[in-house]
Amino acid sequence: MKSKNPTIIIADDHPLLLKGLSDFLIEKGYNFLGSGVNGREAFNLIIQKKPDIAILDIQMPYMSGIEIAQKCKTAKIDTKIVLITLHKEKELYQKAKELNIFGYILKEFALEEIENCINTVKNGAPFFSDKIIKLLGVEAVEDSMLKTLTPSERKILNLIAQDKTNKEIASQLFISYRTVEKHRSNIITKLKLEPRTNSLLIWAKEHHDKLL
């Protein structure tokens, strides 16, 4: 994705929040392409405008933000989805993680967090609000999963976070390419990640500070 000014659409069925976010994005000089008041309008905007980032309310008429993310994933649409929500249920957060959604923030903190979120997401890294992570105790769950990794697996995860390829990792640790692949597979299983090409890389970058 371009690291310059990203193209953005937003959708929310609450007029005040929609206006507040739209005005904020325009005032900050973002490349704002338009807004929708329901899921159908949001998905049509994504199809037509192909924005870099779509900021969506989780609950909207016709289609939820989660359903839109699912459709984008199925259709292999590159738009990065950021969800804003009033809901604090762990199930919704986990569902967002499974769909490789790039951002998740609470509506009550949307205006104070949205700029940081956009800047993080445009550079290809996910942004999950600290406030929701603490609220759900998700950090504790992820910490406990990290503890299941062996020292070798943590070392490999640390190198993955540094964008090292399997070949480079094998060379650096004096092990075979196949051994690195086996470790990667074990790490994905232990961290309960989807076996997609970039899921481990995203996770490793997001938790790099805990691997050191």
Protein backbone atom coordinates (compact mmCIF):
# COMPACT_ATOMS: atom_id res chain seq x y z
CA MET A 1 0.00 0.00 0.00
CA LYS A 2 1.11 3.60 -0.61
CA SER A 3 2.62 5.07 2.53
CA LYS A 4 1.57 8.56 1.36
CA ASN A 5 -1.91 9.95 1.92
CA PRO A 6 -4.26 6.93 1.89
CA THR A 7 -7.71 6.99 0.27
CA ILE A 8 -10.45 6.47 2.86
CA ILE A 9 -14.21 5.82 2.99
CA ILE A 10 -16.30 5.63 6.17
CA ALA A 11 -19.73 4.21 7.03
CA ASP A 12 -21.88 4.53 10.13
CA ASP A 13 -25.62 4.66 10.71
CA HIS A 14 -25.23 7.30 13.45
CA PRO A 15 -25.37 10.69 11.65
CA LEU A 16 -23.49 12.62 14.35
CA LEU A 17 -20.54 10.24 14.47
CA LEU A 18 -20.47 10.01 10.67
CA LYS A 19 -20.36 13.81 10.35
CA GLY A 20 -17.78 14.12 13.14
CA LEU A 21 -15.46 11.58 11.51
CA SER A 22 -15.96 13.00 7.99
CA ASP A 23 -15.21 16.55 9.16
CA PHE A 24 -12.17 15.33 11.09
CA LEU A 25 -10.70 13.44 8.10
CA ILE A 26 -11.27 16.40 5.76
CA GLU A 27 -9.81 18.86 8.28
CA LYS A 28 -6.70 16.67 8.68
CA GLY A 29 -6.24 16.59 4.90
CA TYR A 30 -6.83 12.88 4.34
CA ASN A 31 -7.84 11.68 0.88
CA PHE A 32 -11.51 11.24 1.83
CA LEU A 33 -13.57 9.56 -0.93
CA GLY A 34 -17.03 9.43 0.64
CA SER A 35 -19.31 8.00 3.31
CA GLY A 36 -22.27 5.64 3.68
CA VAL A 37 -25.06 5.27 6.22
CA ASN A 38 -25.50 1.48 5.98
CA GLY A 39 -23.62 -1.68 5.07
CA ARG A 40 -24.90 -1.84 1.50
CA GLU A 41 -23.70 1.71 0.75
CA ALA A 42 -20.37 0.94 2.43
CA PHE A 43 -19.74 -2.19 0.37
CA ASN A 44 -20.73 -0.39 -2.87
CA LEU A 45 -18.28 2.42 -2.03
CA ILE A 46 -15.50 -0.14 -1.50
CA ILE A 47 -16.29 -1.82 -4.84
CA GLN A 48 -16.53 1.49 -6.76
CA LYS A 49 -13.80 3.60 -5.13
CA LYS A 50 -11.33 0.85 -4.11
CA PRO A 51 -10.12 2.84 -1.07
CA ASP A 52 -6.93 1.95 0.79
CA ILE A 53 -8.84 2.02 4.10
CA ALA A 54 -12.55 1.59 4.98
CA ILE A 55 -13.61 2.71 8.48
CA LEU A 56 -16.84 0.87 9.27
CA ASP A 57 -19.31 0.64 12.11
CA ILE A 58 -19.68 -2.98 13.21
CA GLN A 59 -23.49 -2.81 13.41
CA MET A 60 -25.28 -1.25 10.44
CA PRO A 61 -28.51 -1.96 8.52
CA TYR A 62 -28.30 -4.44 5.58
CA MET A 63 -24.72 -5.55 6.30
CA SER A 64 -22.52 -5.38 9.38
CA GLY A 65 -18.89 -4.28 9.29
CA ILE A 66 -17.91 -7.90 9.99
CA GLU A 67 -20.01 -9.14 7.03
CA ILE A 68 -18.42 -6.53 4.75
CA ALA A 69 -14.96 -7.65 5.91
CA GLN A 70 -15.91 -11.26 5.16
CA LYS A 71 -17.10 -10.30 1.64
CA CYS A 72 -13.91 -8.32 0.99
CA LYS A 73 -11.80 -11.25 2.15
CA THR A 74 -13.71 -13.71 -0.08
CA ALA A 75 -13.48 -11.37 -3.08
CA LYS A 76 -9.76 -10.72 -2.38
CA ILE A 77 -10.34 -6.97 -2.15
CA ASP A 78 -7.22 -5.16 -0.87
CA THR A 79 -9.03 -2.47 1.14
CA LYS A 80 -7.92 -2.57 4.77
CA ILE A 81 -10.90 -2.66 7.12
CA VAL A 82 -10.99 -0.68 10.38
CA LEU A 83 -13.96 -1.36 12.67
CA ILE A 84 -15.41 1.15 15.13
CA THR A 85 -17.81 -0.16 17.71
CA LEU A 86 -19.77 0.45 20.89
CA HIS A 87 -19.63 -3.27 21.56
CA LYS A 88 -17.14 -4.76 23.96
CA GLU A 89 -17.82 -8.48 23.44
CA LYS A 90 -14.78 -10.72 23.15
CA GLU A 91 -16.48 -12.79 20.39
CA LEU A 92 -16.64 -9.79 18.04
CA TYR A 93 -13.00 -8.93 18.73
CA GLN A 94 -11.91 -12.52 18.05
CA LYS A 95 -13.99 -12.59 14.84
CA ALA A 96 -12.27 -9.39 13.70
CA LYS A 97 -8.88 -10.98 14.37
CA GLU A 98 -9.83 -14.11 12.40
CA LEU A 99 -10.78 -11.98 9.39
CA ASN A 100 -7.42 -10.18 9.56
CA ILE A 101 -9.17 -6.86 10.09
CA PHE A 102 -6.57 -4.09 10.33
CA GLY A 103 -8.09 -1.89 13.01
CA TYR A 104 -10.49 -2.09 15.91
CA ILE A 105 -11.41 0.91 18.06
CA LEU A 106 -14.20 1.89 20.43
CA LYS A 107 -16.55 4.67 19.34
CA GLU A 108 -16.07 6.60 22.56
CA PHE A 109 -12.36 6.98 21.71
CA ALA A 110 -12.73 7.12 17.89
CA LEU A 111 -11.73 10.75 17.36
CA GLU A 112 -8.71 10.56 19.68
CA GLU A 113 -7.45 7.27 18.20
CA ILE A 114 -8.43 7.43 14.53
CA GLU A 115 -5.38 9.42 13.35
CA ASN A 116 -2.91 7.05 15.02
CA CYS A 117 -4.94 4.13 13.66
CA ILE A 118 -4.87 5.39 10.04
CA ASN A 119 -1.13 6.14 10.18
CA THR A 120 -0.41 2.66 11.54
CA VAL A 121 -2.69 0.85 9.07
CA LYS A 122 -1.45 2.75 6.00
CA ASN A 123 2.03 1.38 6.72
CA GLY A 124 0.70 -2.18 6.68
CA ALA A 125 0.53 -2.80 10.44
CA PRO A 126 -2.69 -3.52 12.36
CA PHE A 127 -4.02 -1.15 15.05
CA PHE A 128 -6.05 -2.66 17.86
CA SER A 129 -6.93 -0.09 20.51
CA ASP A 130 -5.12 -0.64 23.82
CA LYS A 131 -8.36 0.31 25.53
CA ILE A 132 -10.31 -2.61 24.04
CA ILE A 133 -7.42 -5.04 24.54
CA LYS A 134 -7.23 -4.17 28.25
CA LEU A 135 -11.00 -4.21 28.58
CA LEU A 136 -11.29 -7.72 27.18
CA GLY A 137 -8.22 -9.11 28.88
CA VAL A 138 -7.04 -10.18 25.42
CA GLU A 139 -3.48 -9.22 26.28
CA ALA A 140 -3.42 -11.81 29.07
CA VAL A 141 -4.66 -14.50 26.64
CA GLU A 142 -1.99 -13.59 24.08
CA ASP A 143 0.71 -13.52 26.77
CA SER A 144 -0.27 -17.00 27.89
CA MET A 145 -0.08 -18.24 24.27
CA LEU A 146 3.41 -16.73 23.95
CA LYS A 147 4.48 -18.73 27.00
CA THR A 148 3.70 -21.97 25.16
CA LEU A 149 6.47 -21.23 22.64
CA THR A 150 9.89 -22.85 23.04
CA PRO A 151 13.03 -20.63 23.11
CA SER A 152 13.78 -21.69 19.50
CA GLU A 153 10.25 -20.77 18.38
CA ARG A 154 10.50 -17.35 20.08
CA LYS A 155 13.85 -16.76 18.36
CA ILE A 156 12.31 -17.61 14.98
CA LEU A 157 9.27 -15.42 15.67
CA ASN A 158 11.61 -12.55 16.54
CA LEU A 159 13.43 -12.97 13.20
CA ILE A 160 10.10 -13.17 11.32
CA ALA A 161 9.19 -9.80 12.90
CA GLN A 162 12.42 -8.44 11.38
CA ASP A 163 11.20 -9.51 7.88
CA LYS A 164 13.71 -12.36 7.60
CA THR A 165 12.85 -15.08 5.07
CA ASN A 166 12.88 -18.78 5.95
CA LYS A 167 16.16 -19.12 4.06
CA GLU A 168 17.76 -16.24 5.99
CA ILE A 169 16.49 -17.63 9.32
CA ALA A 170 17.88 -21.09 8.51
CA SER A 171 21.25 -19.59 7.63
CA GLN A 172 21.37 -17.38 10.73
CA LEU A 173 20.41 -20.17 13.15
CA PHE A 174 22.44 -22.89 11.37
CA ILE A 175 19.39 -25.09 10.86
CA SER A 176 17.72 -26.48 7.76
CA TYR A 177 15.04 -24.68 5.75
CA ARG A 178 12.67 -27.57 6.51
CA THR A 179 13.24 -27.15 10.27
CA VAL A 180 12.31 -23.47 10.00
CA GLU A 181 9.11 -24.40 8.14
CA LYS A 182 8.23 -26.94 10.85
CA HIS A 183 8.81 -24.34 13.58
CA ARG A 184 6.63 -21.83 11.71
CA SER A 185 3.84 -24.38 11.43
CA ASN A 186 4.06 -25.15 15.18
CA ILE A 187 4.02 -21.43 16.07
CA ILE A 188 0.92 -20.83 13.92
CA THR A 189 -0.85 -23.73 15.68
CA LYS A 190 0.14 -22.56 19.18
CA LEU A 191 -0.90 -18.96 18.52
CA LYS A 192 -4.18 -20.13 16.92
CA LEU A 193 -3.52 -18.13 13.74
CA GLU A 194 -5.03 -18.69 10.32
CA PRO A 195 -2.46 -20.50 8.14
CA ARG A 196 -2.27 -17.58 5.70
CA THR A 197 0.92 -16.22 4.15
CA ASN A 198 1.12 -13.04 6.21
CA SER A 199 -0.78 -13.90 9.42
CA LEU A 200 2.37 -14.89 11.32
CA LEU A 201 4.30 -11.85 10.08
CA ILE A 202 1.51 -9.48 11.18
CA TRP A 203 1.27 -11.18 14.60
CA ALA A 204 5.05 -11.10 15.06
CA LYS A 205 5.28 -7.38 14.21
CA GLU A 206 2.33 -6.55 16.45
CA HIS A 207 3.92 -8.34 19.45
CA HIS A 208 7.58 -7.72 18.66
CA ASP A 209 8.22 -5.85 21.93
CA LYS A 210 7.20 -8.97 23.90
CA LEU A 211 9.62 -11.19 22.01
CA LEU A 212 12.73 -9.25 22.97
